[in-house]
Amino acid sequence: MWIAWIEFDILLGDVHSLKEKRAIVRPLVAELRRRFEVSAAEVGAQELYRRAELGAVLVTADRTHAVEVLDAVERFVAGRPELDLLSARRRELCSDD
């Protein structure tokens, strides 16, 4: 069994309040869940209105599948015009480790 996750540090564009931040982050998290069948959430920087930390995780039997999904998730987030992806950190663990 493979457990893989990716964390994003994101700078939001023209956002001036936490309400405007939520209007961007919530649909993004929902789309990650729906499109890629991963667990996703805002995992940090909740009090900052121009920054967001998002995480996505999946469990799979095959490492290759995990890497493909994380690559697709990263491309999707990086391609969003309303935000700037500052960094992406990922990790994969095997249950045999």
PDB file of N, CA and C in Angstrom:
ATOM      1  N   MET A   1       0.847  -1.174   0.000  1.00  0.00           N
ATOM      2  CA  MET A   1       0.000   0.000   0.000  1.00  0.00           C
ATOM      3  C   MET A   1       0.894   1.239   0.000  1.00  0.00           C
ATOM      4  N   TRP A   2       0.543   2.205  -0.837  1.00  0.00           N
ATOM      5  CA  TRP A   2       1.270   3.467  -0.933  1.00  0.00           C
ATOM      6  C   TRP A   2       0.393   4.613  -0.441  1.00  0.00           C
ATOM      7  N   ILE A   3       0.982   5.471   0.344  1.00  0.00           N
ATOM      8  CA  ILE A   3       0.342   6.697   0.812  1.00  0.00           C
ATOM      9  C   ILE A   3       1.169   7.838   0.243  1.00  0.00           C
ATOM     10  N   ALA A   4       0.515   8.721  -0.489  1.00  0.00           N
ATOM     11  CA  ALA A   4       1.229   9.820  -1.137  1.00  0.00           C
ATOM     12  C   ALA A   4       0.493  11.120  -0.851  1.00  0.00           C
ATOM     13  N   TRP A   5       1.270  12.174  -0.617  1.00  0.00           N
ATOM     14  CA  TRP A   5       0.637  13.464  -0.386  1.00  0.00           C
ATOM     15  C   TRP A   5       1.469  14.585  -0.971  1.00  0.00           C
ATOM     16  N   ILE A   6       0.783  15.699  -1.185  1.00  0.00           N
ATOM     17  CA  ILE A   6       1.419  16.891  -1.712  1.00  0.00           C
ATOM     18  C   ILE A   6       0.871  18.087  -0.943  1.00  0.00           C
ATOM     19  N   GLU A   7       1.765  19.020  -0.635  1.00  0.00           N
ATOM     20  CA  GLU A   7       1.389  20.244   0.075  1.00  0.00           C
ATOM     21  C   GLU A   7       1.757  21.429  -0.805  1.00  0.00           C
ATOM     22  N   PHE A   8       0.850  22.394  -0.897  1.00  0.00           N
ATOM     23  CA  PHE A   8       1.054  23.579  -1.710  1.00  0.00           C
ATOM     24  C   PHE A   8       1.106  24.823  -0.837  1.00  0.00           C
ATOM     25  N   ASP A   9       2.042  25.700  -1.139  1.00  0.00           N
ATOM     26  CA  ASP A   9       2.081  27.038  -0.560  1.00  0.00           C
ATOM     27  C   ASP A   9       1.663  27.978  -1.685  1.00  0.00           C
ATOM     28  N   ILE A  10       0.566  28.693  -1.474  1.00  0.00           N
ATOM     29  CA  ILE A  10      -0.070  29.452  -2.539  1.00  0.00           C
ATOM     30  C   ILE A  10      -0.194  30.916  -2.145  1.00  0.00           C
ATOM     31  N   LEU A  11       0.065  31.787  -3.107  1.00  0.00           N
ATOM     32  CA  LEU A  11      -0.182  33.217  -2.958  1.00  0.00           C
ATOM     33  C   LEU A  11      -1.392  33.543  -3.816  1.00  0.00           C
ATOM     34  N   LEU A  12      -2.415  34.100  -3.170  1.00  0.00           N
ATOM     35  CA  LEU A  12      -3.641  34.443  -3.876  1.00  0.00           C
ATOM     36  C   LEU A  12      -3.506  35.827  -4.492  1.00  0.00           C
ATOM     37  N   GLY A  13      -4.162  36.032  -5.614  1.00  0.00           N
ATOM     38  CA  GLY A  13      -4.054  37.286  -6.344  1.00  0.00           C
ATOM     39  C   GLY A  13      -4.752  38.450  -5.659  1.00  0.00           C
ATOM     40  N   ASP A  14      -5.731  39.012  -6.290  1.00  0.00           N
ATOM     41  CA  ASP A  14      -6.421  40.215  -5.834  1.00  0.00           C
ATOM     42  C   ASP A  14      -7.449  39.868  -4.761  1.00  0.00           C
ATOM     43  N   VAL A  15      -6.970  39.534  -3.564  1.00  0.00           N
ATOM     44  CA  VAL A  15      -7.821  39.136  -2.442  1.00  0.00           C
ATOM     45  C   VAL A  15      -7.586  40.113  -1.297  1.00  0.00           C
ATOM     46  N   HIS A  16      -8.685  40.615  -0.708  1.00  0.00           N
ATOM     47  CA  HIS A  16      -8.568  41.624   0.335  1.00  0.00           C
ATOM     48  C   HIS A  16      -9.254  41.237   1.636  1.00  0.00           C
ATOM     49  N   SER A  17      -9.765  40.003   1.726  1.00  0.00           N
ATOM     50  CA  SER A  17     -10.429  39.573   2.956  1.00  0.00           C
ATOM     51  C   SER A  17     -10.430  38.047   3.021  1.00  0.00           C
ATOM     52  N   LEU A  18     -10.709  37.534   4.210  1.00  0.00           N
ATOM     53  CA  LEU A  18     -10.811  36.078   4.368  1.00  0.00           C
ATOM     54  C   LEU A  18     -12.017  35.532   3.605  1.00  0.00           C
ATOM     55  N   LYS A  19     -13.059  36.336   3.482  1.00  0.00           N
ATOM     56  CA  LYS A  19     -14.236  35.913   2.716  1.00  0.00           C
ATOM     57  C   LYS A  19     -13.881  35.716   1.243  1.00  0.00           C
ATOM     58  N   GLU A  20     -13.117  36.638   0.675  1.00  0.00           N
ATOM     59  CA  GLU A  20     -12.670  36.490  -0.710  1.00  0.00           C
ATOM     60  C   GLU A  20     -11.739  35.294  -0.862  1.00  0.00           C
ATOM     61  N   LYS A  21     -10.905  35.060   0.150  1.00  0.00           N
ATOM     62  CA  LYS A  21     -10.009  33.893   0.127  1.00  0.00           C
ATOM     63  C   LYS A  21     -10.831  32.604   0.081  1.00  0.00           C
ATOM     64  N   ARG A  22     -11.834  32.516   0.956  1.00  0.00           N
ATOM     65  CA  ARG A  22     -12.678  31.311   0.985  1.00  0.00           C
ATOM     66  C   ARG A  22     -13.369  31.082  -0.356  1.00  0.00           C
ATOM     67  N   ALA A  23     -13.723  32.167  -1.041  1.00  0.00           N
ATOM     68  CA  ALA A  23     -14.395  32.047  -2.336  1.00  0.00           C
ATOM     69  C   ALA A  23     -13.488  31.424  -3.398  1.00  0.00           C
ATOM     70  N   ILE A  24     -12.187  31.478  -3.188  1.00  0.00           N
ATOM     71  CA  ILE A  24     -11.234  30.841  -4.101  1.00  0.00           C
ATOM     72  C   ILE A  24     -10.844  29.454  -3.605  1.00  0.00           C
ATOM     73  N   VAL A  25     -10.541  29.343  -2.316  1.00  0.00           N
ATOM     74  CA  VAL A  25      -9.989  28.104  -1.766  1.00  0.00           C
ATOM     75  C   VAL A  25     -11.021  26.986  -1.718  1.00  0.00           C
ATOM     76  N   ARG A  26     -12.221  27.262  -1.259  1.00  0.00           N
ATOM     77  CA  ARG A  26     -13.225  26.194  -1.141  1.00  0.00           C
ATOM     78  C   ARG A  26     -13.550  25.521  -2.469  1.00  0.00           C
ATOM     79  N   PRO A  27     -13.815  26.278  -3.539  1.00  0.00           N
ATOM     80  CA  PRO A  27     -14.062  25.600  -4.817  1.00  0.00           C
ATOM     81  C   PRO A  27     -12.845  24.833  -5.341  1.00  0.00           C
ATOM     82  N   LEU A  28     -11.652  25.348  -5.085  1.00  0.00           N
ATOM     83  CA  LEU A  28     -10.436  24.657  -5.514  1.00  0.00           C
ATOM     84  C   LEU A  28     -10.303  23.313  -4.800  1.00  0.00           C
ATOM     85  N   VAL A  29     -10.501  23.302  -3.496  1.00  0.00           N
ATOM     86  CA  VAL A  29     -10.422  22.053  -2.717  1.00  0.00           C
ATOM     87  C   VAL A  29     -11.498  21.076  -3.188  1.00  0.00           C
ATOM     88  N   ALA A  30     -12.711  21.566  -3.413  1.00  0.00           N
ATOM     89  CA  ALA A  30     -13.797  20.696  -3.884  1.00  0.00           C
ATOM     90  C   ALA A  30     -13.481  20.099  -5.257  1.00  0.00           C
ATOM     91  N   GLU A  31     -12.889  20.902  -6.132  1.00  0.00           N
ATOM     92  CA  GLU A  31     -12.545  20.405  -7.469  1.00  0.00           C
ATOM     93  C   GLU A  31     -11.426  19.363  -7.410  1.00  0.00           C
ATOM     94  N   LEU A  32     -10.449  19.554  -6.521  1.00  0.00           N
ATOM     95  CA  LEU A  32      -9.399  18.542  -6.340  1.00  0.00           C
ATOM     96  C   LEU A  32     -10.010  17.220  -5.893  1.00  0.00           C
ATOM     97  N   ARG A  33     -10.915  17.279  -4.937  1.00  0.00           N
ATOM     98  CA  ARG A  33     -11.575  16.057  -4.446  1.00  0.00           C
ATOM     99  C   ARG A  33     -12.348  15.364  -5.558  1.00  0.00           C
ATOM    100  N   ARG A  34     -13.122  16.152  -6.296  1.00  0.00           N
ATOM    101  CA  ARG A  34     -13.990  15.576  -7.323  1.00  0.00           C
ATOM    102  C   ARG A  34     -13.198  15.042  -8.515  1.00  0.00           C
ATOM    103  N   ARG A  35     -12.290  15.854  -9.019  1.00  0.00           N
ATOM    104  CA  ARG A  35     -11.585  15.507 -10.258  1.00  0.00           C
ATOM    105  C   ARG A  35     -10.559  14.394 -10.063  1.00  0.00           C
ATOM    106  N   PHE A  36      -9.842  14.397  -8.936  1.00  0.00           N
ATOM    107  CA  PHE A  36      -8.722  13.473  -8.768  1.00  0.00           C
ATOM    108  C   PHE A  36      -8.974  12.391  -7.718  1.00  0.00           C
ATOM    109  N   GLU A  37     -10.131  12.421  -7.078  1.00  0.00           N
ATOM    110  CA  GLU A  37     -10.492  11.440  -6.050  1.00  0.00           C
ATOM    111  C   GLU A  37      -9.424  11.348  -4.966  1.00  0.00           C
ATOM    112  N   VAL A  38      -9.027  12.510  -4.453  1.00  0.00           N
ATOM    113  CA  VAL A  38      -8.074  12.595  -3.355  1.00  0.00           C
ATOM    114  C   VAL A  38      -8.771  13.243  -2.167  1.00  0.00           C
ATOM    115  N   SER A  39      -8.198  13.087  -0.997  1.00  0.00           N
ATOM    116  CA  SER A  39      -8.625  13.871   0.150  1.00  0.00           C
ATOM    117  C   SER A  39      -7.851  15.177   0.093  1.00  0.00           C
ATOM    118  N   ALA A  40      -8.556  16.292   0.213  1.00  0.00           N
ATOM    119  CA  ALA A  40      -7.902  17.594   0.100  1.00  0.00           C
ATOM    120  C   ALA A  40      -8.478  18.538   1.137  1.00  0.00           C
ATOM    121  N   ALA A  41      -7.627  19.462   1.616  1.00  0.00           N
ATOM    122  CA  ALA A  41      -8.070  20.422   2.626  1.00  0.00           C
ATOM    123  C   ALA A  41      -7.107  21.597   2.673  1.00  0.00           C
ATOM    124  N   GLU A  42      -7.595  22.708   3.234  1.00  0.00           N
ATOM    125  CA  GLU A  42      -6.712  23.809   3.577  1.00  0.00           C
ATOM    126  C   GLU A  42      -6.048  23.422   4.884  1.00  0.00           C
ATOM    127  N   VAL A  43      -4.732  23.356   4.901  1.00  0.00           N
ATOM    128  CA  VAL A  43      -4.012  22.794   6.046  1.00  0.00           C
ATOM    129  C   VAL A  43      -3.188  23.817   6.821  1.00  0.00           C
ATOM    130  N   GLY A  44      -3.185  25.067   6.381  1.00  0.00           N
ATOM    131  CA  GLY A  44      -2.414  26.078   7.095  1.00  0.00           C
ATOM    132  C   GLY A  44      -2.696  27.460   6.566  1.00  0.00           C
ATOM    133  N   ALA A  45      -2.179  28.444   7.258  1.00  0.00           N
ATOM    134  CA  ALA A  45      -2.303  29.864   6.892  1.00  0.00           C
ATOM    135  C   ALA A  45      -3.760  30.297   6.817  1.00  0.00           C
ATOM    136  N   GLN A  46      -4.617  29.722   7.657  1.00  0.00           N
ATOM    137  CA  GLN A  46      -6.036  30.072   7.624  1.00  0.00           C
ATOM    138  C   GLN A  46      -6.292  31.533   7.994  1.00  0.00           C
ATOM    139  N   GLU A  47      -5.426  32.129   8.797  1.00  0.00           N
ATOM    140  CA  GLU A  47      -5.646  33.499   9.250  1.00  0.00           C
ATOM    141  C   GLU A  47      -5.105  34.550   8.279  1.00  0.00           C
ATOM    142  N   LEU A  48      -4.359  34.121   7.270  1.00  0.00           N
ATOM    143  CA  LEU A  48      -3.800  35.042   6.280  1.00  0.00           C
ATOM    144  C   LEU A  48      -4.682  35.056   5.041  1.00  0.00           C
ATOM    145  N   TYR A  49      -5.094  36.232   4.601  1.00  0.00           N
ATOM    146  CA  TYR A  49      -6.048  36.271   3.500  1.00  0.00           C
ATOM    147  C   TYR A  49      -5.405  36.186   2.118  1.00  0.00           C
ATOM    148  N   ARG A  50      -4.113  36.432   1.980  1.00  0.00           N
ATOM    149  CA  ARG A  50      -3.462  36.329   0.662  1.00  0.00           C
ATOM    150  C   ARG A  50      -2.648  35.054   0.488  1.00  0.00           C
ATOM    151  N   ARG A  51      -2.544  34.246   1.535  1.00  0.00           N
ATOM    152  CA  ARG A  51      -1.777  32.994   1.465  1.00  0.00           C
ATOM    153  C   ARG A  51      -2.696  31.821   1.797  1.00  0.00           C
ATOM    154  N   ALA A  52      -2.365  30.684   1.249  1.00  0.00           N
ATOM    155  CA  ALA A  52      -3.091  29.454   1.562  1.00  0.00           C
ATOM    156  C   ALA A  52      -2.121  28.291   1.509  1.00  0.00           C
ATOM    157  N   GLU A  53      -2.315  27.359   2.386  1.00  0.00           N
ATOM    158  CA  GLU A  53      -1.594  26.089   2.342  1.00  0.00           C
ATOM    159  C   GLU A  53      -2.631  25.002   2.160  1.00  0.00           C
ATOM    160  N   LEU A  54      -2.496  24.268   1.072  1.00  0.00           N
ATOM    161  CA  LEU A  54      -3.419  23.190   0.754  1.00  0.00           C
ATOM    162  C   LEU A  54      -2.682  21.871   0.745  1.00  0.00           C
ATOM    163  N   GLY A  55      -3.394  20.811   1.083  1.00  0.00           N
ATOM    164  CA  GLY A  55      -2.817  19.483   1.032  1.00  0.00           C
ATOM    165  C   GLY A  55      -3.764  18.515   0.346  1.00  0.00           C
ATOM    166  N   ALA A  56      -3.191  17.535  -0.346  1.00  0.00           N
ATOM    167  CA  ALA A  56      -3.971  16.477  -0.987  1.00  0.00           C
ATOM    168  C   ALA A  56      -3.257  15.160  -0.722  1.00  0.00           C
ATOM    169  N   VAL A  57      -4.029  14.124  -0.454  1.00  0.00           N
ATOM    170  CA  VAL A  57      -3.443  12.822  -0.134  1.00  0.00           C
ATOM    171  C   VAL A  57      -4.262  11.710  -0.782  1.00  0.00           C
ATOM    172  N   LEU A  58      -3.573  10.622  -1.139  1.00  0.00           N
ATOM    173  CA  LEU A  58      -4.268   9.449  -1.651  1.00  0.00           C
ATOM    174  C   LEU A  58      -3.584   8.187  -1.168  1.00  0.00           C
ATOM    175  N   VAL A  59      -4.346   7.124  -1.159  1.00  0.00           N
ATOM    176  CA  VAL A  59      -3.851   5.795  -0.810  1.00  0.00           C
ATOM    177  C   VAL A  59      -4.119   4.905  -2.008  1.00  0.00           C
ATOM    178  N   THR A  60      -3.089   4.175  -2.435  1.00  0.00           N
ATOM    179  CA  THR A  60      -3.223   3.336  -3.620  1.00  0.00           C
ATOM    180  C   THR A  60      -2.319   2.114  -3.488  1.00  0.00           C
ATOM    181  N   ALA A  61      -2.560   1.143  -4.322  1.00  0.00           N
ATOM    182  CA  ALA A  61      -1.751  -0.072  -4.296  1.00  0.00           C
ATOM    183  C   ALA A  61      -0.469   0.063  -5.103  1.00  0.00           C
ATOM    184  N   ASP A  62      -0.397   1.089  -5.963  1.00  0.00           N
ATOM    185  CA  ASP A  62       0.693   1.194  -6.925  1.00  0.00           C
ATOM    186  C   ASP A  62       1.363   2.557  -6.826  1.00  0.00           C
ATOM    187  N   ARG A  63       2.684   2.590  -6.677  1.00  0.00           N
ATOM    188  CA  ARG A  63       3.416   3.847  -6.575  1.00  0.00           C
ATOM    189  C   ARG A  63       3.297   4.665  -7.857  1.00  0.00           C
ATOM    190  N   THR A  64       3.324   4.011  -9.004  1.00  0.00           N
ATOM    191  CA  THR A  64       3.230   4.709 -10.277  1.00  0.00           C
ATOM    192  C   THR A  64       1.924   5.498 -10.361  1.00  0.00           C
ATOM    193  N   HIS A  65       0.841   4.894  -9.932  1.00  0.00           N
ATOM    194  CA  HIS A  65      -0.454   5.581  -9.930  1.00  0.00           C
ATOM    195  C   HIS A  65      -0.416   6.796  -8.999  1.00  0.00           C
ATOM    196  N   ALA A  66       0.185   6.635  -7.841  1.00  0.00           N
ATOM    197  CA  ALA A  66       0.282   7.741  -6.885  1.00  0.00           C
ATOM    198  C   ALA A  66       1.044   8.921  -7.489  1.00  0.00           C
ATOM    199  N   VAL A  67       2.157   8.643  -8.138  1.00  0.00           N
ATOM    200  CA  VAL A  67       2.965   9.703  -8.751  1.00  0.00           C
ATOM    201  C   VAL A  67       2.191  10.389  -9.881  1.00  0.00           C
ATOM    202  N   GLU A  68       1.476   9.610 -10.687  1.00  0.00           N
ATOM    203  CA  GLU A  68       0.686  10.186 -11.779  1.00  0.00           C
ATOM    204  C   GLU A  68      -0.398  11.116 -11.253  1.00  0.00           C
ATOM    205  N   VAL A  69      -1.082  10.700 -10.203  1.00  0.00           N
ATOM    206  CA  VAL A  69      -2.145  11.524  -9.634  1.00  0.00           C
ATOM    207  C   VAL A  69      -1.565  12.799  -9.039  1.00  0.00           C
ATOM    208  N   LEU A  70      -0.473  12.693  -8.272  1.00  0.00           N
ATOM    209  CA  LEU A  70       0.129  13.886  -7.677  1.00  0.00           C
ATOM    210  C   LEU A  70       0.644  14.844  -8.759  1.00  0.00           C
ATOM    211  N   ASP A  71       1.200  14.307  -9.833  1.00  0.00           N
ATOM    212  CA  ASP A  71       1.637  15.158 -10.955  1.00  0.00           C
ATOM    213  C   ASP A  71       0.453  15.917 -11.542  1.00  0.00           C
ATOM    214  N   ALA A  72      -0.666  15.230 -11.738  1.00  0.00           N
ATOM    215  CA  ALA A  72      -1.852  15.856 -12.306  1.00  0.00           C
ATOM    216  C   ALA A  72      -2.421  16.919 -11.366  1.00  0.00           C
ATOM    217  N   VAL A  73      -2.436  16.627 -10.075  1.00  0.00           N
ATOM    218  CA  VAL A  73      -2.916  17.593  -9.089  1.00  0.00           C
ATOM    219  C   VAL A  73      -2.034  18.838  -9.109  1.00  0.00           C
ATOM    220  N   GLU A  74      -0.717  18.653  -9.159  1.00  0.00           N
ATOM    221  CA  GLU A  74       0.196  19.797  -9.182  1.00  0.00           C
ATOM    222  C   GLU A  74       0.014  20.631 -10.447  1.00  0.00           C
ATOM    223  N   ARG A  75      -0.137  19.987 -11.589  1.00  0.00           N
ATOM    224  CA  ARG A  75      -0.363  20.729 -12.836  1.00  0.00           C
ATOM    225  C   ARG A  75      -1.665  21.529 -12.768  1.00  0.00           C
ATOM    226  N   PHE A  76      -2.695  20.919 -12.201  1.00  0.00           N
ATOM    227  CA  PHE A  76      -3.993  21.583 -12.084  1.00  0.00           C
ATOM    228  C   PHE A  76      -3.891  22.835 -11.207  1.00  0.00           C
ATOM    229  N   VAL A  77      -3.260  22.715 -10.050  1.00  0.00           N
ATOM    230  CA  VAL A  77      -3.127  23.860  -9.147  1.00  0.00           C
ATOM    231  C   VAL A  77      -2.235  24.928  -9.768  1.00  0.00           C
ATOM    232  N   ALA A  78      -1.137  24.527 -10.368  1.00  0.00           N
ATOM    233  CA  ALA A  78      -0.211  25.491 -10.973  1.00  0.00           C
ATOM    234  C   ALA A  78      -0.853  26.234 -12.135  1.00  0.00           C
ATOM    235  N   GLY A  79      -1.826  25.637 -12.787  1.00  0.00           N
ATOM    236  CA  GLY A  79      -2.466  26.253 -13.936  1.00  0.00           C
ATOM    237  C   GLY A  79      -3.596  27.206 -13.606  1.00  0.00           C
ATOM    238  N   ARG A  80      -3.909  27.363 -12.327  1.00  0.00           N
ATOM    239  CA  ARG A  80      -5.006  28.259 -11.943  1.00  0.00           C
ATOM    240  C   ARG A  80      -4.569  29.712 -12.074  1.00  0.00           C
ATOM    241  N   PRO A  81      -5.290  30.531 -12.848  1.00  0.00           N
ATOM    242  CA  PRO A  81      -4.860  31.914 -13.074  1.00  0.00           C
ATOM    243  C   PRO A  81      -5.043  32.829 -11.866  1.00  0.00           C
ATOM    244  N   GLU A  82      -5.903  32.470 -10.924  1.00  0.00           N
ATOM    245  CA  GLU A  82      -6.179  33.338  -9.789  1.00  0.00           C
ATOM    246  C   GLU A  82      -5.185  33.188  -8.643  1.00  0.00           C
ATOM    247  N   LEU A  83      -4.171  32.348  -8.821  1.00  0.00           N
ATOM    248  CA  LEU A  83      -3.202  32.141  -7.752  1.00  0.00           C
ATOM    249  C   LEU A  83      -1.813  31.906  -8.319  1.00  0.00           C
ATOM    250  N   ASP A  84      -0.823  32.093  -7.443  1.00  0.00           N
ATOM    251  CA  ASP A  84       0.570  31.794  -7.778  1.00  0.00           C
ATOM    252  C   ASP A  84       1.041  30.670  -6.872  1.00  0.00           C
ATOM    253  N   LEU A  85       1.506  29.596  -7.457  1.00  0.00           N
ATOM    254  CA  LEU A  85       2.035  28.474  -6.698  1.00  0.00           C
ATOM    255  C   LEU A  85       3.470  28.796  -6.297  1.00  0.00           C
ATOM    256  N   LEU A  86       3.701  28.994  -4.999  1.00  0.00           N
ATOM    257  CA  LEU A  86       5.034  29.332  -4.500  1.00  0.00           C
ATOM    258  C   LEU A  86       5.894  28.097  -4.331  1.00  0.00           C
ATOM    259  N   SER A  87       5.302  27.012  -3.814  1.00  0.00           N
ATOM    260  CA  SER A  87       6.060  25.770  -3.664  1.00  0.00           C
ATOM    261  C   SER A  87       5.102  24.586  -3.560  1.00  0.00           C
ATOM    262  N   ALA A  88       5.639  23.432  -3.900  1.00  0.00           N
ATOM    263  CA  ALA A  88       4.908  22.173  -3.771  1.00  0.00           C
ATOM    264  C   ALA A  88       5.879  21.152  -3.184  1.00  0.00           C
ATOM    265  N   ARG A  89       5.460  20.529  -2.105  1.00  0.00           N
ATOM    266  CA  ARG A  89       6.270  19.490  -1.467  1.00  0.00           C
ATOM    267  C   ARG A  89       5.480  18.194  -1.490  1.00  0.00           C
ATOM    268  N   ARG A  90       6.146  17.120  -1.842  1.00  0.00           N
ATOM    269  CA  ARG A  90       5.442  15.838  -1.902  1.00  0.00           C
ATOM    270  C   ARG A  90       6.229  14.738  -1.230  1.00  0.00           C
ATOM    271  N   ARG A  91       5.503  13.687  -0.908  1.00  0.00           N
ATOM    272  CA  ARG A  91       6.134  12.542  -0.249  1.00  0.00           C
ATOM    273  C   ARG A  91       5.317  11.304  -0.546  1.00  0.00           C
ATOM    274  N   GLU A  92       5.988  10.184  -0.682  1.00  0.00           N
ATOM    275  CA  GLU A  92       5.325   8.888  -0.849  1.00  0.00           C
ATOM    276  C   GLU A  92       5.892   7.927   0.170  1.00  0.00           C
ATOM    277  N   LEU A  93       5.033   7.159   0.795  1.00  0.00           N
ATOM    278  CA  LEU A  93       5.445   6.148   1.764  1.00  0.00           C
ATOM    279  C   LEU A  93       4.808   4.814   1.418  1.00  0.00           C
ATOM    280  N   CYS A  94       5.569   3.764   1.564  1.00  0.00           N
ATOM    281  CA  CYS A  94       5.065   2.408   1.368  1.00  0.00           C
ATOM    282  C   CYS A  94       4.800   1.795   2.731  1.00  0.00           C
ATOM    283  N   SER A  95       3.738   1.030   2.852  1.00  0.00           N
ATOM    284  CA  SER A  95       3.412   0.422   4.142  1.00  0.00           C
ATOM    285  C   SER A  95       4.477  -0.611   4.551  1.00  0.00           C
ATOM    286  N   ASP A  96       5.305  -1.050   3.622  1.00  0.00           N
ATOM    287  CA  ASP A  96       6.373  -1.994   3.945  1.00  0.00           C
ATOM    288  C   ASP A  96       7.574  -1.322   4.607  1.00  0.00           C
ATOM    289  N   ASP A  97       7.636   0.037   4.525  1.00  0.00           N
ATOM    290  CA  ASP A  97       8.782   0.773   5.090  1.00  0.00           C
ATOM    291  C   ASP A  97       8.820   0.696   6.594  1.00  0.00           C
TER     292      ASP A  97
END
